[in-house]
Amino acid sequence: MGKRVSTRTIIICIALMCIIGTCMHFVCDLVSSEAAVKVIGLVFPVNETTWEHMKMIWYPFLVAGIIISVIAKEKAYFGGFVISGIAAMLIQLGVFALYQSFTGTSILILDIIFYMVDMIICALLALLLGKRAWIGKTFYLWVVVAIGVTAAIIYLTFNPGSGFVFMDDAMLLEN
């Protein structure tokens, strides 16, 4: 069994996940070249659709899972962050779908609040799951799942579906 993750490390990890995820939102605004946007779009949101914002959840969870697993010398933390990253994306999709179905649009302050609460709760869940031996024993499964989720995110960046999660506010108003 690996070493315990300190409270200080947990707080720093969650704060960095939220800060980095939030900063990811603005990276494509800094780039003007369409070719550069396509490369950056592999990791960073390229438009205002709900789906593109899933990158702001997934990649911080993926990186945090790798870092915490190395710091704690415990593979289970990686699996915990993969599971929780998927849960965070599903929760965010559900919350957005619910409140946007009532409002017909996104509301920035609600988006930010829901994002931060989702990130914090699911990061704490990841740390709890990281203490479960069965997750460490299935480490390679979580590696395959992480690769699959990352591949799906990249694929859907360039081949978005037609559902509401792939539409920005202007497209939603048209439909």
Protein backbone atom coordinates (compact mmCIF):
# COMPACT_ATOMS: atom_id res chain seq x y z
CA MET A 1 0.00 0.00 0.00
CA GLY A 2 1.26 3.48 -0.84
CA LYS A 3 1.65 6.37 1.52
CA ARG A 4 -1.17 8.60 2.73
CA VAL A 5 -1.94 11.79 0.80
CA SER A 6 -1.72 14.79 3.14
CA THR A 7 -4.58 17.23 3.64
CA ARG A 8 -2.33 19.99 2.30
CA THR A 9 -1.67 18.01 -0.89
CA ILE A 10 -5.40 17.37 -1.30
CA ILE A 11 -6.27 21.07 -0.93
CA ILE A 12 -3.53 22.11 -3.36
CA CYS A 13 -4.60 19.40 -5.84
CA ILE A 14 -8.27 20.44 -5.81
CA ALA A 15 -7.42 24.15 -6.04
CA LEU A 16 -5.06 23.56 -8.97
CA MET A 17 -7.62 21.35 -10.74
CA CYS A 18 -10.23 24.13 -10.51
CA ILE A 19 -7.81 26.91 -11.49
CA ILE A 20 -6.27 25.01 -14.39
CA GLY A 21 -9.65 23.81 -15.62
CA THR A 22 -10.99 27.36 -15.54
CA CYS A 23 -7.92 28.76 -17.34
CA MET A 24 -8.32 26.09 -20.02
CA HIS A 25 -11.51 27.88 -21.07
CA PHE A 26 -9.59 30.86 -22.43
CA VAL A 27 -6.63 29.25 -24.22
CA CYS A 28 -8.22 29.10 -27.68
CA ASP A 29 -9.12 32.82 -27.40
CA LEU A 30 -5.38 33.54 -27.31
CA VAL A 31 -4.69 31.74 -30.59
CA SER A 32 -5.66 33.17 -33.98
CA SER A 33 -4.34 30.51 -36.36
CA GLU A 34 -6.96 27.95 -37.36
CA ALA A 35 -4.28 25.24 -37.59
CA ALA A 36 -3.11 26.03 -34.06
CA VAL A 37 -6.70 25.94 -32.78
CA LYS A 38 -7.07 22.41 -34.22
CA VAL A 39 -3.98 21.23 -32.35
CA ILE A 40 -4.88 23.05 -29.13
CA GLY A 41 -8.44 21.78 -29.51
CA LEU A 42 -7.24 18.28 -28.69
CA VAL A 43 -7.06 19.39 -25.04
CA PHE A 44 -8.70 22.82 -24.73
CA PRO A 45 -12.32 23.87 -25.46
CA VAL A 46 -12.63 25.35 -28.96
CA ASN A 47 -16.19 26.67 -28.66
CA GLU A 48 -18.98 27.34 -26.16
CA THR A 49 -20.76 23.99 -26.38
CA THR A 50 -21.38 21.96 -23.25
CA TRP A 51 -19.37 19.08 -24.74
CA GLU A 52 -16.24 21.15 -25.30
CA HIS A 53 -16.36 22.19 -21.65
CA MET A 54 -16.01 18.54 -20.63
CA LYS A 55 -12.30 18.95 -21.45
CA MET A 56 -12.09 21.40 -18.53
CA ILE A 57 -13.17 18.51 -16.29
CA TRP A 58 -11.52 15.48 -17.86
CA TYR A 59 -7.96 16.66 -18.37
CA PRO A 60 -7.48 18.11 -14.85
CA PHE A 61 -8.79 14.83 -13.40
CA LEU A 62 -6.50 12.80 -15.65
CA VAL A 63 -3.39 14.83 -14.79
CA ALA A 64 -4.25 14.95 -11.07
CA GLY A 65 -4.72 11.18 -11.08
CA ILE A 66 -1.27 10.66 -12.55
CA ILE A 67 0.40 13.13 -10.18
CA ILE A 68 -1.33 11.91 -7.00
CA SER A 69 -0.62 8.28 -7.93
CA VAL A 70 3.08 9.08 -8.27
CA ILE A 71 3.21 11.17 -5.07
CA ALA A 72 1.36 8.54 -3.03
CA LYS A 73 3.04 5.60 -4.80
CA GLU A 74 -0.42 4.07 -5.11
CA LYS A 75 -1.95 3.04 -8.46
CA ALA A 76 -5.48 3.07 -7.06
CA TYR A 77 -5.51 6.88 -7.03
CA PHE A 78 -5.25 6.90 -10.81
CA GLY A 79 -8.34 4.69 -11.08
CA GLY A 80 -10.13 6.85 -8.52
CA PHE A 81 -9.49 9.97 -10.58
CA VAL A 82 -10.54 8.25 -13.82
CA ILE A 83 -13.82 7.07 -12.26
CA SER A 84 -14.44 10.46 -10.67
CA GLY A 85 -13.54 12.36 -13.84
CA ILE A 86 -16.16 10.39 -15.74
CA ALA A 87 -18.66 10.93 -12.91
CA ALA A 88 -17.91 14.68 -12.91
CA MET A 89 -18.53 14.91 -16.65
CA LEU A 90 -21.82 13.00 -16.38
CA ILE A 91 -22.97 15.14 -13.45
CA GLN A 92 -22.07 18.33 -15.30
CA LEU A 93 -23.89 17.15 -18.44
CA GLY A 94 -26.95 16.29 -16.37
CA VAL A 95 -26.95 19.58 -14.48
CA PHE A 96 -26.49 21.61 -17.67
CA ALA A 97 -29.23 19.68 -19.45
CA LEU A 98 -31.63 20.17 -16.56
CA TYR A 99 -31.16 23.86 -15.96
CA GLN A 100 -30.78 24.79 -19.64
CA SER A 101 -34.02 22.99 -20.42
CA PHE A 102 -35.73 25.42 -18.03
CA THR A 103 -33.81 28.60 -18.91
CA GLY A 104 -33.23 27.96 -22.62
CA THR A 105 -29.69 29.31 -22.24
CA SER A 106 -26.61 29.06 -20.07
CA ILE A 107 -26.10 31.43 -17.17
CA LEU A 108 -22.42 32.16 -16.54
CA ILE A 109 -22.57 32.40 -12.74
CA LEU A 110 -24.50 29.11 -12.52
CA ASP A 111 -22.03 27.47 -14.92
CA ILE A 112 -19.12 28.54 -12.69
CA ILE A 113 -20.79 27.49 -9.44
CA PHE A 114 -21.84 24.09 -10.82
CA TYR A 115 -18.36 23.55 -12.26
CA MET A 116 -16.56 24.35 -9.00
CA VAL A 117 -18.90 22.26 -6.82
CA ASP A 118 -18.69 19.35 -9.27
CA MET A 119 -14.88 19.50 -9.37
CA ILE A 120 -14.53 19.66 -5.57
CA ILE A 121 -17.00 16.88 -4.77
CA CYS A 122 -15.69 14.54 -7.46
CA ALA A 123 -12.03 15.21 -6.54
CA LEU A 124 -12.83 14.24 -2.95
CA LEU A 125 -14.56 11.14 -4.29
CA ALA A 126 -11.43 10.33 -6.31
CA LEU A 127 -9.29 10.53 -3.20
CA LEU A 128 -11.67 8.21 -1.32
CA LEU A 129 -11.70 5.73 -4.20
CA GLY A 130 -7.90 5.87 -4.29
CA LYS A 131 -7.87 4.09 -0.94
CA ARG A 132 -9.72 1.06 -2.32
CA ALA A 133 -7.47 -1.92 -3.02
CA TRP A 134 -9.69 -3.32 -5.79
CA ILE A 135 -9.17 -0.15 -7.82
CA GLY A 136 -5.40 -0.55 -7.56
CA LYS A 137 -5.68 -4.19 -8.61
CA THR A 138 -7.54 -3.15 -11.76
CA PHE A 139 -5.04 -0.41 -12.66
CA TYR A 140 -4.64 -1.46 -16.30
CA LEU A 141 -8.39 -1.40 -16.79
CA TRP A 142 -8.40 2.27 -15.69
CA VAL A 143 -5.53 3.02 -18.08
CA VAL A 144 -7.58 1.57 -20.95
CA VAL A 145 -10.69 3.48 -19.82
CA ALA A 146 -8.66 6.73 -19.61
CA ILE A 147 -7.29 6.19 -23.12
CA GLY A 148 -10.81 5.46 -24.38
CA VAL A 149 -12.34 8.57 -22.80
CA THR A 150 -9.50 10.73 -24.10
CA ALA A 151 -9.90 9.25 -27.60
CA ALA A 152 -13.67 9.87 -27.48
CA ILE A 153 -13.14 13.49 -26.43
CA ILE A 154 -10.67 14.03 -29.27
CA TYR A 155 -12.92 12.29 -31.80
CA LEU A 156 -15.98 14.31 -30.77
CA THR A 157 -13.98 17.53 -30.98
CA PHE A 158 -13.62 17.03 -34.72
CA ASN A 159 -16.83 15.03 -35.30
CA PRO A 160 -19.45 16.50 -32.97
CA GLY A 161 -22.85 14.93 -32.77
CA SER A 162 -26.14 16.75 -33.28
CA GLY A 163 -27.45 16.60 -29.70
CA PHE A 164 -27.88 19.62 -27.44
CA VAL A 165 -24.51 19.07 -25.76
CA PHE A 166 -22.83 19.85 -29.09
CA MET A 167 -24.73 23.13 -29.56
CA ASP A 168 -23.83 26.56 -28.22
CA ASP A 169 -26.49 29.03 -27.03
CA ALA A 170 -27.05 30.48 -30.52
CA MET A 171 -27.64 27.03 -32.00
CA LEU A 172 -29.98 26.08 -29.13
CA LEU A 173 -32.11 29.18 -29.75
CA GLU A 174 -32.45 28.26 -33.45
CA ASN A 175 -33.82 24.81 -32.53
